[in-house]
């Protein structure tokens, strides 16, 4: 089953984990959208800025530190994803509580590892 995924904190830099996640999600045939600091493209995926009107998001995978997540709390909750993945160093108790209260599954794991091991 494909899971439309929002990569929050997308980067145009190949050494960044968010860039690697976009590439691996594509390789695993998951539809991908992304929000980053700078607009651009990673392959066919457009990295947008701001708060785009995305629809039918299954998973939000986070690549922003907890401080930089704050402006996205309500935006992510309003997307009504099935789950939010907090990658290593992005764990955020406050945001996780808000997600759970909105009925969103919270996962603290590495998206790259999850994809590689088939548990995404």
PDB file of N, CA and C in Angstrom:
ATOM      1  N   UNK A   1       0.835  -1.186   0.000  1.00  0.00           N
ATOM      2  CA  UNK A   1       0.000   0.000   0.000  1.00  0.00           C
ATOM      3  C   UNK A   1       0.880   1.251   0.000  1.00  0.00           C
ATOM      4  N   UNK A   2       0.612   2.164  -0.916  1.00  0.00           N
ATOM      5  CA  UNK A   2       1.382   3.398  -0.929  1.00  0.00           C
ATOM      6  C   UNK A   2       0.804   4.361   0.099  1.00  0.00           C
ATOM      7  N   UNK A   3       1.684   5.159   0.663  1.00  0.00           N
ATOM      8  CA  UNK A   3       1.293   6.104   1.701  1.00  0.00           C
ATOM      9  C   UNK A   3       1.801   7.479   1.305  1.00  0.00           C
ATOM     10  N   UNK A   4       0.884   8.357   0.896  1.00  0.00           N
ATOM     11  CA  UNK A   4       1.288   9.710   0.517  1.00  0.00           C
ATOM     12  C   UNK A   4       1.928  10.371   1.727  1.00  0.00           C
ATOM     13  N   UNK A   5       3.155  10.836   1.520  1.00  0.00           N
ATOM     14  CA  UNK A   5       3.975  11.308   2.638  1.00  0.00           C
ATOM     15  C   UNK A   5       4.416  12.746   2.430  1.00  0.00           C
ATOM     16  N   UNK A   6       4.278  13.534   3.482  1.00  0.00           N
ATOM     17  CA  UNK A   6       4.804  14.889   3.522  1.00  0.00           C
ATOM     18  C   UNK A   6       6.133  14.852   4.266  1.00  0.00           C
ATOM     19  N   UNK A   7       7.201  15.249   3.589  1.00  0.00           N
ATOM     20  CA  UNK A   7       8.507  15.392   4.224  1.00  0.00           C
ATOM     21  C   UNK A   7       8.602  16.848   4.681  1.00  0.00           C
ATOM     22  N   UNK A   8       8.498  17.042   5.997  1.00  0.00           N
ATOM     23  CA  UNK A   8       8.529  18.377   6.582  1.00  0.00           C
ATOM     24  C   UNK A   8       9.970  18.703   6.967  1.00  0.00           C
ATOM     25  N   UNK A   9      10.538  19.682   6.276  1.00  0.00           N
ATOM     26  CA  UNK A   9      11.958  20.009   6.465  1.00  0.00           C
ATOM     27  C   UNK A   9      12.778  19.509   5.294  1.00  0.00           C
ATOM     28  N   UNK A  10      12.148  19.402   4.137  1.00  0.00           N
ATOM     29  CA  UNK A  10      12.825  18.915   2.936  1.00  0.00           C
ATOM     30  C   UNK A  10      14.010  19.788   2.561  1.00  0.00           C
ATOM     31  N   UNK A  11      15.048  19.162   2.046  1.00  0.00           N
ATOM     32  CA  UNK A  11      16.278  19.874   1.681  1.00  0.00           C
ATOM     33  C   UNK A  11      16.699  19.523   0.265  1.00  0.00           C
ATOM     34  N   UNK A  12      17.360  20.470  -0.381  1.00  0.00           N
ATOM     35  CA  UNK A  12      17.924  20.263  -1.716  1.00  0.00           C
ATOM     36  C   UNK A  12      19.335  19.700  -1.637  1.00  0.00           C
ATOM     37  N   UNK A  13      19.857  19.536  -0.422  1.00  0.00           N
ATOM     38  CA  UNK A  13      21.235  19.070  -0.228  1.00  0.00           C
ATOM     39  C   UNK A  13      21.275  17.549  -0.099  1.00  0.00           C
ATOM     40  N   UNK A  14      21.979  16.858  -1.015  1.00  0.00           N
ATOM     41  CA  UNK A  14      22.005  15.388  -1.013  1.00  0.00           C
ATOM     42  C   UNK A  14      22.523  14.760   0.286  1.00  0.00           C
ATOM     43  N   UNK A  15      23.300  15.488   1.081  1.00  0.00           N
ATOM     44  CA  UNK A  15      23.826  14.916   2.321  1.00  0.00           C
ATOM     45  C   UNK A  15      22.813  14.949   3.467  1.00  0.00           C
ATOM     46  N   UNK A  16      21.703  15.648   3.280  1.00  0.00           N
ATOM     47  CA  UNK A  16      20.688  15.756   4.329  1.00  0.00           C
ATOM     48  C   UNK A  16      19.786  14.526   4.354  1.00  0.00           C
ATOM     49  N   UNK A  17      19.375  14.144   5.567  1.00  0.00           N
ATOM     50  CA  UNK A  17      18.510  12.968   5.705  1.00  0.00           C
ATOM     51  C   UNK A  17      17.146  13.180   5.060  1.00  0.00           C
ATOM     52  N   UNK A  18      16.636  14.403   5.077  1.00  0.00           N
ATOM     53  CA  UNK A  18      15.340  14.646   4.445  1.00  0.00           C
ATOM     54  C   UNK A  18      15.420  14.422   2.933  1.00  0.00           C
ATOM     55  N   UNK A  19      16.528  14.806   2.328  1.00  0.00           N
ATOM     56  CA  UNK A  19      16.754  14.563   0.896  1.00  0.00           C
ATOM     57  C   UNK A  19      16.787  13.059   0.635  1.00  0.00           C
ATOM     58  N   UNK A  20      17.526  12.338   1.474  1.00  0.00           N
ATOM     59  CA  UNK A  20      17.623  10.873   1.333  1.00  0.00           C
ATOM     60  C   UNK A  20      16.254  10.220   1.512  1.00  0.00           C
ATOM     61  N   UNK A  21      15.459  10.756   2.442  1.00  0.00           N
ATOM     62  CA  UNK A  21      14.114  10.206   2.669  1.00  0.00           C
ATOM     63  C   UNK A  21      13.238  10.405   1.433  1.00  0.00           C
ATOM     64  N   UNK A  22      13.303  11.578   0.829  1.00  0.00           N
ATOM     65  CA  UNK A  22      12.513  11.826  -0.387  1.00  0.00           C
ATOM     66  C   UNK A  22      12.891  10.804  -1.451  1.00  0.00           C
ATOM     67  N   UNK A  23      14.192  10.625  -1.671  1.00  0.00           N
ATOM     68  CA  UNK A  23      14.658   9.687  -2.704  1.00  0.00           C
ATOM     69  C   UNK A  23      14.213   8.253  -2.405  1.00  0.00           C
ATOM     70  N   UNK A  24      14.310   7.840  -1.131  1.00  0.00           N
ATOM     71  CA  UNK A  24      13.946   6.471  -0.761  1.00  0.00           C
ATOM     72  C   UNK A  24      12.428   6.263  -0.807  1.00  0.00           C
ATOM     73  N   UNK A  25      11.668   7.273  -0.432  1.00  0.00           N
ATOM     74  CA  UNK A  25      10.205   7.183  -0.551  1.00  0.00           C
ATOM     75  C   UNK A  25       9.808   7.004  -2.013  1.00  0.00           C
ATOM     76  N   UNK A  26      10.436   7.769  -2.908  1.00  0.00           N
ATOM     77  CA  UNK A  26      10.168   7.638  -4.339  1.00  0.00           C
ATOM     78  C   UNK A  26      10.538   6.235  -4.813  1.00  0.00           C
ATOM     79  N   UNK A  27      11.708   5.769  -4.407  1.00  0.00           N
ATOM     80  CA  UNK A  27      12.169   4.436  -4.810  1.00  0.00           C
ATOM     81  C   UNK A  27      11.205   3.345  -4.349  1.00  0.00           C
ATOM     82  N   UNK A  28      10.524   3.594  -3.224  1.00  0.00           N
ATOM     83  CA  UNK A  28       9.553   2.642  -2.694  1.00  0.00           C
ATOM     84  C   UNK A  28       8.129   2.942  -3.180  1.00  0.00           C
ATOM     85  N   UNK A  29       8.028   3.808  -4.162  1.00  0.00           N
ATOM     86  CA  UNK A  29       6.776   4.129  -4.842  1.00  0.00           C
ATOM     87  C   UNK A  29       5.701   4.791  -3.965  1.00  0.00           C
ATOM     88  N   UNK A  30       6.148   5.551  -2.979  1.00  0.00           N
ATOM     89  CA  UNK A  30       5.205   6.323  -2.175  1.00  0.00           C
ATOM     90  C   UNK A  30       5.098   7.727  -2.781  1.00  0.00           C
ATOM     91  N   UNK A  31       3.888   8.244  -2.963  1.00  0.00           N
ATOM     92  CA  UNK A  31       3.759   9.633  -3.419  1.00  0.00           C
ATOM     93  C   UNK A  31       4.359  10.566  -2.356  1.00  0.00           C
ATOM     94  N   UNK A  32       5.099  11.572  -2.792  1.00  0.00           N
ATOM     95  CA  UNK A  32       5.807  12.444  -1.855  1.00  0.00           C
ATOM     96  C   UNK A  32       5.536  13.908  -2.172  1.00  0.00           C
ATOM     97  N   UNK A  33       5.303  14.677  -1.117  1.00  0.00           N
ATOM     98  CA  UNK A  33       5.282  16.131  -1.179  1.00  0.00           C
ATOM     99  C   UNK A  33       6.227  16.617  -0.091  1.00  0.00           C
ATOM    100  N   UNK A  34       6.681  17.856  -0.209  1.00  0.00           N
ATOM    101  CA  UNK A  34       7.650  18.325   0.777  1.00  0.00           C
ATOM    102  C   UNK A  34       7.524  19.826   1.004  1.00  0.00           C
ATOM    103  N   UNK A  35       7.847  20.220   2.224  1.00  0.00           N
ATOM    104  CA  UNK A  35       7.941  21.629   2.593  1.00  0.00           C
ATOM    105  C   UNK A  35       9.356  21.845   3.124  1.00  0.00           C
ATOM    106  N   UNK A  36      10.000  22.894   2.632  1.00  0.00           N
ATOM    107  CA  UNK A  36      11.348  23.210   3.076  1.00  0.00           C
ATOM    108  C   UNK A  36      11.543  24.706   3.213  1.00  0.00           C
ATOM    109  N   UNK A  37      12.731  25.068   3.588  1.00  0.00           N
ATOM    110  CA  UNK A  37      13.086  26.471   3.755  1.00  0.00           C
ATOM    111  C   UNK A  37      13.226  27.158   2.396  1.00  0.00           C
ATOM    112  N   UNK A  38      13.757  26.421   1.426  1.00  0.00           N
ATOM    113  CA  UNK A  38      13.964  26.960   0.081  1.00  0.00           C
ATOM    114  C   UNK A  38      13.201  26.116  -0.930  1.00  0.00           C
ATOM    115  N   UNK A  39      12.542  26.778  -1.891  1.00  0.00           N
ATOM    116  CA  UNK A  39      11.838  26.019  -2.926  1.00  0.00           C
ATOM    117  C   UNK A  39      12.823  25.366  -3.885  1.00  0.00           C
ATOM    118  N   UNK A  40      12.410  24.271  -4.483  1.00  0.00           N
ATOM    119  CA  UNK A  40      13.255  23.583  -5.448  1.00  0.00           C
ATOM    120  C   UNK A  40      12.680  22.228  -5.767  1.00  0.00           C
ATOM    121  N   UNK A  41      13.537  21.361  -6.316  1.00  0.00           N
ATOM    122  CA  UNK A  41      13.111  20.014  -6.691  1.00  0.00           C
ATOM    123  C   UNK A  41      14.135  18.995  -6.234  1.00  0.00           C
ATOM    124  N   UNK A  42      13.605  17.851  -5.819  1.00  0.00           N
ATOM    125  CA  UNK A  42      14.419  16.652  -5.610  1.00  0.00           C
ATOM    126  C   UNK A  42      13.807  15.625  -6.546  1.00  0.00           C
ATOM    127  N   UNK A  43      14.438  15.423  -7.678  1.00  0.00           N
ATOM    128  CA  UNK A  43      13.838  14.576  -8.709  1.00  0.00           C
ATOM    129  C   UNK A  43      12.536  15.205  -9.156  1.00  0.00           C
ATOM    130  N   UNK A  44      11.460  14.435  -9.106  1.00  0.00           N
ATOM    131  CA  UNK A  44      10.143  14.924  -9.506  1.00  0.00           C
ATOM    132  C   UNK A  44       9.407  15.632  -8.368  1.00  0.00           C
ATOM    133  N   UNK A  45       9.966  15.578  -7.173  1.00  0.00           N
ATOM    134  CA  UNK A  45       9.281  16.147  -6.001  1.00  0.00           C
ATOM    135  C   UNK A  45       9.607  17.629  -5.870  1.00  0.00           C
ATOM    136  N   UNK A  46       8.562  18.434  -5.822  1.00  0.00           N
ATOM    137  CA  UNK A  46       8.724  19.871  -5.634  1.00  0.00           C
ATOM    138  C   UNK A  46       8.768  20.150  -4.133  1.00  0.00           C
ATOM    139  N   UNK A  47       9.807  20.850  -3.710  1.00  0.00           N
ATOM    140  CA  UNK A  47       9.864  21.297  -2.320  1.00  0.00           C
ATOM    141  C   UNK A  47       9.227  22.673  -2.287  1.00  0.00           C
ATOM    142  N   UNK A  48       8.148  22.772  -1.535  1.00  0.00           N
ATOM    143  CA  UNK A  48       7.405  24.022  -1.431  1.00  0.00           C
ATOM    144  C   UNK A  48       7.754  24.716  -0.126  1.00  0.00           C
ATOM    145  N   UNK A  49       7.364  25.975  -0.018  1.00  0.00           N
ATOM    146  CA  UNK A  49       7.557  26.726   1.215  1.00  0.00           C
ATOM    147  C   UNK A  49       6.189  27.116   1.755  1.00  0.00           C
ATOM    148  N   UNK A  50       6.164  27.570   2.979  1.00  0.00           N
ATOM    149  CA  UNK A  50       4.905  28.021   3.564  1.00  0.00           C
ATOM    150  C   UNK A  50       4.020  26.870   4.002  1.00  0.00           C
ATOM    151  N   UNK A  51       2.728  27.021   3.748  1.00  0.00           N
ATOM    152  CA  UNK A  51       1.724  26.069   4.212  1.00  0.00           C
ATOM    153  C   UNK A  51       0.824  25.664   3.037  1.00  0.00           C
ATOM    154  N   UNK A  52       1.351  24.849   2.121  1.00  0.00           N
ATOM    155  CA  UNK A  52       0.567  24.461   0.935  1.00  0.00           C
ATOM    156  C   UNK A  52      -0.689  23.676   1.301  1.00  0.00           C
ATOM    157  N   UNK A  53      -1.652  23.719   0.421  1.00  0.00           N
ATOM    158  CA  UNK A  53      -2.928  23.037   0.627  1.00  0.00           C
ATOM    159  C   UNK A  53      -2.830  21.586   0.137  1.00  0.00           C
ATOM    160  N   UNK A  54      -2.070  20.767   0.865  1.00  0.00           N
ATOM    161  CA  UNK A  54      -1.933  19.358   0.505  1.00  0.00           C
ATOM    162  C   UNK A  54      -3.176  18.594   0.951  1.00  0.00           C
ATOM    163  N   UNK A  55      -3.486  17.522   0.217  1.00  0.00           N
ATOM    164  CA  UNK A  55      -4.654  16.688   0.530  1.00  0.00           C
ATOM    165  C   UNK A  55      -4.242  15.228   0.616  1.00  0.00           C
ATOM    166  N   UNK A  56      -5.014  14.475   1.369  1.00  0.00           N
ATOM    167  CA  UNK A  56      -4.849  13.016   1.451  1.00  0.00           C
ATOM    168  C   UNK A  56      -3.455  12.593   1.906  1.00  0.00           C
ATOM    169  N   UNK A  57      -2.913  13.295   2.891  1.00  0.00           N
ATOM    170  CA  UNK A  57      -1.604  12.938   3.446  1.00  0.00           C
ATOM    171  C   UNK A  57      -1.799  11.788   4.432  1.00  0.00           C
ATOM    172  N   UNK A  58      -1.092  10.709   4.220  1.00  0.00           N
ATOM    173  CA  UNK A  58      -1.131   9.578   5.144  1.00  0.00           C
ATOM    174  C   UNK A  58      -0.127   9.775   6.273  1.00  0.00           C
ATOM    175  N   UNK A  59       1.100  10.150   5.907  1.00  0.00           N
ATOM    176  CA  UNK A  59       2.195  10.246   6.868  1.00  0.00           C
ATOM    177  C   UNK A  59       2.910  11.584   6.735  1.00  0.00           C
ATOM    178  N   UNK A  60       3.224  12.184   7.874  1.00  0.00           N
ATOM    179  CA  UNK A  60       4.107  13.349   7.905  1.00  0.00           C
ATOM    180  C   UNK A  60       5.388  12.879   8.587  1.00  0.00           C
ATOM    181  N   UNK A  61       6.517  12.993   7.892  1.00  0.00           N
ATOM    182  CA  UNK A  61       7.797  12.638   8.494  1.00  0.00           C
ATOM    183  C   UNK A  61       8.579  13.928   8.719  1.00  0.00           C
ATOM    184  N   UNK A  62       9.025  14.117   9.944  1.00  0.00           N
ATOM    185  CA  UNK A  62       9.576  15.407  10.363  1.00  0.00           C
ATOM    186  C   UNK A  62      11.104  15.394  10.381  1.00  0.00           C
ATOM    187  N   UNK A  63      11.657  16.444   9.744  1.00  0.00           N
ATOM    188  CA  UNK A  63      13.102  16.687   9.727  1.00  0.00           C
ATOM    189  C   UNK A  63      13.401  18.117  10.157  1.00  0.00           C
ATOM    190  N   UNK A  64      12.678  18.576  11.171  1.00  0.00           N
ATOM    191  CA  UNK A  64      12.906  19.893  11.756  1.00  0.00           C
ATOM    192  C   UNK A  64      13.144  19.717  13.246  1.00  0.00           C
ATOM    193  N   UNK A  65      14.003  20.557  13.821  1.00  0.00           N
ATOM    194  CA  UNK A  65      14.192  20.470  15.274  1.00  0.00           C
ATOM    195  C   UNK A  65      12.917  20.951  15.970  1.00  0.00           C
ATOM    196  N   UNK A  66      12.732  20.568  17.232  1.00  0.00           N
ATOM    197  CA  UNK A  66      11.483  20.899  17.927  1.00  0.00           C
ATOM    198  C   UNK A  66      11.109  22.382  17.891  1.00  0.00           C
ATOM    199  N   UNK A  67      12.085  23.267  18.014  1.00  0.00           N
ATOM    200  CA  UNK A  67      11.772  24.703  17.980  1.00  0.00           C
ATOM    201  C   UNK A  67      11.159  25.096  16.637  1.00  0.00           C
ATOM    202  N   UNK A  68      11.736  24.621  15.562  1.00  0.00           N
ATOM    203  CA  UNK A  68      11.250  24.968  14.222  1.00  0.00           C
ATOM    204  C   UNK A  68       9.951  24.256  13.838  1.00  0.00           C
ATOM    205  N   UNK A  69       9.549  23.277  14.625  1.00  0.00           N
ATOM    206  CA  UNK A  69       8.276  22.589  14.379  1.00  0.00           C
ATOM    207  C   UNK A  69       7.082  23.419  14.822  1.00  0.00           C
ATOM    208  N   UNK A  70       7.292  24.314  15.775  1.00  0.00           N
ATOM    209  CA  UNK A  70       6.171  24.995  16.431  1.00  0.00           C
ATOM    210  C   UNK A  70       5.201  25.653  15.458  1.00  0.00           C
ATOM    211  N   UNK A  71       5.705  26.317  14.432  1.00  0.00           N
ATOM    212  CA  UNK A  71       4.816  27.012  13.500  1.00  0.00           C
ATOM    213  C   UNK A  71       3.967  26.046  12.672  1.00  0.00           C
ATOM    214  N   UNK A  72       4.333  24.754  12.686  1.00  0.00           N
ATOM    215  CA  UNK A  72       3.617  23.755  11.887  1.00  0.00           C
ATOM    216  C   UNK A  72       2.632  22.912  12.698  1.00  0.00           C
ATOM    217  N   UNK A  73       2.560  23.102  13.999  1.00  0.00           N
ATOM    218  CA  UNK A  73       1.677  22.271  14.831  1.00  0.00           C
ATOM    219  C   UNK A  73       0.265  22.196  14.252  1.00  0.00           C
ATOM    220  N   UNK A  74      -0.392  23.329  14.160  1.00  0.00           N
ATOM    221  CA  UNK A  74      -1.793  23.333  13.730  1.00  0.00           C
ATOM    222  C   UNK A  74      -1.922  22.933  12.270  1.00  0.00           C
ATOM    223  N   UNK A  75      -0.961  23.337  11.454  1.00  0.00           N
ATOM    224  CA  UNK A  75      -0.979  22.970  10.033  1.00  0.00           C
ATOM    225  C   UNK A  75      -0.990  21.454   9.867  1.00  0.00           C
ATOM    226  N   UNK A  76      -0.077  20.772  10.554  1.00  0.00           N
ATOM    227  CA  UNK A  76       0.014  19.306  10.449  1.00  0.00           C
ATOM    228  C   UNK A  76      -1.261  18.661  10.971  1.00  0.00           C
ATOM    229  N   UNK A  77      -1.751  19.112  12.097  1.00  0.00           N
ATOM    230  CA  UNK A  77      -2.974  18.543  12.662  1.00  0.00           C
ATOM    231  C   UNK A  77      -4.153  18.737  11.691  1.00  0.00           C
ATOM    232  N   UNK A  78      -4.204  19.896  11.036  1.00  0.00           N
ATOM    233  CA  UNK A  78      -5.296  20.176  10.088  1.00  0.00           C
ATOM    234  C   UNK A  78      -5.198  19.349   8.816  1.00  0.00           C
ATOM    235  N   UNK A  79      -4.039  18.762   8.530  1.00  0.00           N
ATOM    236  CA  UNK A  79      -3.893  17.863   7.384  1.00  0.00           C
ATOM    237  C   UNK A  79      -4.559  16.508   7.652  1.00  0.00           C
ATOM    238  N   UNK A  80      -4.819  16.199   8.912  1.00  0.00           N
ATOM    239  CA  UNK A  80      -5.429  14.939   9.332  1.00  0.00           C
ATOM    240  C   UNK A  80      -4.665  13.708   8.829  1.00  0.00           C
ATOM    241  N   UNK A  81      -3.336  13.694   9.037  1.00  0.00           N
ATOM    242  CA  UNK A  81      -2.599  12.494   8.616  1.00  0.00           C
ATOM    243  C   UNK A  81      -2.932  11.325   9.537  1.00  0.00           C
ATOM    244  N   UNK A  82      -2.649  10.122   9.069  1.00  0.00           N
ATOM    245  CA  UNK A  82      -2.832   8.936   9.915  1.00  0.00           C
ATOM    246  C   UNK A  82      -1.726   8.861  10.970  1.00  0.00           C
ATOM    247  N   UNK A  83      -0.510   9.315  10.569  1.00  0.00           N
ATOM    248  CA  UNK A  83       0.599   9.253  11.526  1.00  0.00           C
ATOM    249  C   UNK A  83       1.612  10.355  11.254  1.00  0.00           C
ATOM    250  N   UNK A  84       2.379  10.643  12.318  1.00  0.00           N
ATOM    251  CA  UNK A  84       3.508  11.572  12.252  1.00  0.00           C
ATOM    252  C   UNK A  84       4.729  10.809  12.741  1.00  0.00           C
ATOM    253  N   UNK A  85       5.795  10.860  11.953  1.00  0.00           N
ATOM    254  CA  UNK A  85       7.052  10.209  12.335  1.00  0.00           C
ATOM    255  C   UNK A  85       8.037  11.287  12.789  1.00  0.00           C
ATOM    256  N   UNK A  86       8.483  11.162  14.028  1.00  0.00           N
ATOM    257  CA  UNK A  86       9.540  12.023  14.556  1.00  0.00           C
ATOM    258  C   UNK A  86      10.854  11.279  14.363  1.00  0.00           C
ATOM    259  N   UNK A  87      11.673  11.741  13.433  1.00  0.00           N
ATOM    260  CA  UNK A  87      12.968  11.131  13.171  1.00  0.00           C
ATOM    261  C   UNK A  87      13.934  11.461  14.299  1.00  0.00           C
ATOM    262  N   UNK A  88      15.063  10.748  14.400  1.00  0.00           N
ATOM    263  CA  UNK A  88      16.028  11.044  15.468  1.00  0.00           C
ATOM    264  C   UNK A  88      16.384  12.532  15.513  1.00  0.00           C
ATOM    265  N   UNK A  89      16.408  13.077  16.717  1.00  0.00           N
ATOM    266  CA  UNK A  89      16.716  14.483  17.023  1.00  0.00           C
ATOM    267  C   UNK A  89      15.555  15.431  16.722  1.00  0.00           C
ATOM    268  N   UNK A  90      14.389  14.881  16.343  1.00  0.00           N
ATOM    269  CA  UNK A  90      13.213  15.726  16.128  1.00  0.00           C
ATOM    270  C   UNK A  90      12.129  15.445  17.165  1.00  0.00           C
ATOM    271  N   UNK A  91      12.389  14.541  18.102  1.00  0.00           N
ATOM    272  CA  UNK A  91      11.391  14.163  19.101  1.00  0.00           C
ATOM    273  C   UNK A  91      10.891  15.415  19.820  1.00  0.00           C
ATOM    274  N   UNK A  92       9.572  15.466  20.044  1.00  0.00           N
ATOM    275  CA  UNK A  92       8.957  16.663  20.594  1.00  0.00           C
ATOM    276  C   UNK A  92       7.718  16.247  21.386  1.00  0.00           C
ATOM    277  N   UNK A  93       7.863  16.200  22.686  1.00  0.00           N
ATOM    278  CA  UNK A  93       6.774  15.746  23.561  1.00  0.00           C
ATOM    279  C   UNK A  93       5.522  16.607  23.406  1.00  0.00           C
ATOM    280  N   UNK A  94       5.697  17.910  23.347  1.00  0.00           N
ATOM    281  CA  UNK A  94       4.559  18.828  23.227  1.00  0.00           C
ATOM    282  C   UNK A  94       3.771  18.559  21.943  1.00  0.00           C
ATOM    283  N   UNK A  95       4.470  18.472  20.817  1.00  0.00           N
ATOM    284  CA  UNK A  95       3.811  18.239  19.526  1.00  0.00           C
ATOM    285  C   UNK A  95       3.207  16.834  19.486  1.00  0.00           C
ATOM    286  N   UNK A  96       3.924  15.856  20.029  1.00  0.00           N
ATOM    287  CA  UNK A  96       3.420  14.480  20.055  1.00  0.00           C
ATOM    288  C   UNK A  96       2.093  14.413  20.817  1.00  0.00           C
ATOM    289  N   UNK A  97       1.996  15.102  21.938  1.00  0.00           N
ATOM    290  CA  UNK A  97       0.744  15.123  22.712  1.00  0.00           C
ATOM    291  C   UNK A  97      -0.398  15.723  21.902  1.00  0.00           C
ATOM    292  N   UNK A  98      -0.108  16.798  21.181  1.00  0.00           N
ATOM    293  CA  UNK A  98      -1.134  17.443  20.358  1.00  0.00           C
ATOM    294  C   UNK A  98      -1.595  16.500  19.243  1.00  0.00           C
ATOM    295  N   UNK A  99      -0.652  15.793  18.657  1.00  0.00           N
ATOM    296  CA  UNK A  99      -1.001  14.844  17.594  1.00  0.00           C
ATOM    297  C   UNK A  99      -1.879  13.725  18.144  1.00  0.00           C
ATOM    298  N   UNK A 100      -1.468  13.151  19.256  1.00  0.00           N
ATOM    299  CA  UNK A 100      -2.241  12.063  19.860  1.00  0.00           C
ATOM    300  C   UNK A 100      -3.648  12.530  20.225  1.00  0.00           C
ATOM    301  N   UNK A 101      -3.747  13.744  20.772  1.00  0.00           N
ATOM    302  CA  UNK A 101      -5.058  14.287  21.144  1.00  0.00           C
ATOM    303  C   UNK A 101      -5.959  14.445  19.922  1.00  0.00           C
ATOM    304  N   UNK A 102      -5.353  14.631  18.739  1.00  0.00           N
ATOM    305  CA  UNK A 102      -6.113  14.775  17.494  1.00  0.00           C
ATOM    306  C   UNK A 102      -6.339  13.424  16.812  1.00  0.00           C
ATOM    307  N   UNK A 103      -5.943  12.331  17.477  1.00  0.00           N
ATOM    308  CA  UNK A 103      -6.170  11.000  16.925  1.00  0.00           C
ATOM    309  C   UNK A 103      -5.138  10.564  15.895  1.00  0.00           C
ATOM    310  N   UNK A 104      -3.975  11.217  15.911  1.00  0.00           N
ATOM    311  CA  UNK A 104      -2.907  10.899  14.967  1.00  0.00           C
ATOM    312  C   UNK A 104      -1.893   9.992  15.648  1.00  0.00           C
ATOM    313  N   UNK A 105      -1.537   8.902  14.975  1.00  0.00           N
ATOM    314  CA  UNK A 105      -0.518   7.995  15.509  1.00  0.00           C
ATOM    315  C   UNK A 105       0.832   8.708  15.528  1.00  0.00           C
ATOM    316  N   UNK A 106       1.563   8.551  16.611  1.00  0.00           N
ATOM    317  CA  UNK A 106       2.890   9.150  16.751  1.00  0.00           C
ATOM    318  C   UNK A 106       3.931   8.035  16.775  1.00  0.00           C
ATOM    319  N   UNK A 107       4.943   8.183  15.918  1.00  0.00           N
ATOM    320  CA  UNK A 107       6.009   7.191  15.817  1.00  0.00           C
ATOM    321  C   UNK A 107       7.334   7.914  15.987  1.00  0.00           C
ATOM    322  N   UNK A 108       8.170   7.413  16.902  1.00  0.00           N
ATOM    323  CA  UNK A 108       9.538   7.924  17.024  1.00  0.00           C
ATOM    324  C   UNK A 108      10.457   6.873  16.429  1.00  0.00           C
ATOM    325  N   UNK A 109      10.922   7.147  15.219  1.00  0.00           N
ATOM    326  CA  UNK A 109      11.729   6.166  14.487  1.00  0.00           C
ATOM    327  C   UNK A 109      12.417   6.904  13.352  1.00  0.00           C
ATOM    328  N   UNK A 110      13.238   6.212  12.628  1.00  0.00           N
ATOM    329  CA  UNK A 110      13.921   6.771  11.474  1.00  0.00           C
ATOM    330  C   UNK A 110      13.215   6.307  10.200  1.00  0.00           C
ATOM    331  N   UNK A 111      12.727   7.248   9.425  1.00  0.00           N
ATOM    332  CA  UNK A 111      12.017   6.914   8.192  1.00  0.00           C
ATOM    333  C   UNK A 111      12.883   6.058   7.269  1.00  0.00           C
ATOM    334  N   UNK A 112      14.168   6.382   7.168  1.00  0.00           N
ATOM    335  CA  UNK A 112      15.067   5.623   6.294  1.00  0.00           C
ATOM    336  C   UNK A 112      15.157   4.167   6.738  1.00  0.00           C
ATOM    337  N   UNK A 113      15.293   3.938   8.032  1.00  0.00           N
ATOM    338  CA  UNK A 113      15.365   2.579   8.575  1.00  0.00           C
ATOM    339  C   UNK A 113      14.032   1.865   8.366  1.00  0.00           C
ATOM    340  N   UNK A 114      12.943   2.568   8.601  1.00  0.00           N
ATOM    341  CA  UNK A 114      11.608   1.981   8.424  1.00  0.00           C
ATOM    342  C   UNK A 114      11.417   1.527   6.970  1.00  0.00           C
ATOM    343  N   UNK A 115      11.819   2.341   6.020  1.00  0.00           N
ATOM    344  CA  UNK A 115      11.695   1.985   4.604  1.00  0.00           C
ATOM    345  C   UNK A 115      12.599   0.806   4.264  1.00  0.00           C
ATOM    346  N   UNK A 116      13.841   0.865   4.727  1.00  0.00           N
ATOM    347  CA  UNK A 116      14.803  -0.211   4.435  1.00  0.00           C
ATOM    348  C   UNK A 116      14.383  -1.548   5.020  1.00  0.00           C
ATOM    349  N   UNK A 117      13.716  -1.516   6.182  1.00  0.00           N
ATOM    350  CA  UNK A 117      13.342  -2.762   6.847  1.00  0.00           C
ATOM    351  C   UNK A 117      11.915  -3.203   6.530  1.00  0.00           C
ATOM    352  N   UNK A 118      11.211  -2.444   5.688  1.00  0.00           N
ATOM    353  CA  UNK A 118       9.870  -2.856   5.267  1.00  0.00           C
ATOM    354  C   UNK A 118       8.781  -2.598   6.284  1.00  0.00           C
ATOM    355  N   UNK A 119       9.020  -1.746   7.286  1.00  0.00           N
ATOM    356  CA  UNK A 119       7.979  -1.465   8.298  1.00  0.00           C
ATOM    357  C   UNK A 119       7.357  -0.087   8.144  1.00  0.00           C
ATOM    358  N   UNK A 120       7.626   0.565   7.014  1.00  0.00           N
ATOM    359  CA  UNK A 120       7.073   1.899   6.797  1.00  0.00           C
ATOM    360  C   UNK A 120       5.566   1.809   6.621  1.00  0.00           C
TER     361      UNK A 120
END
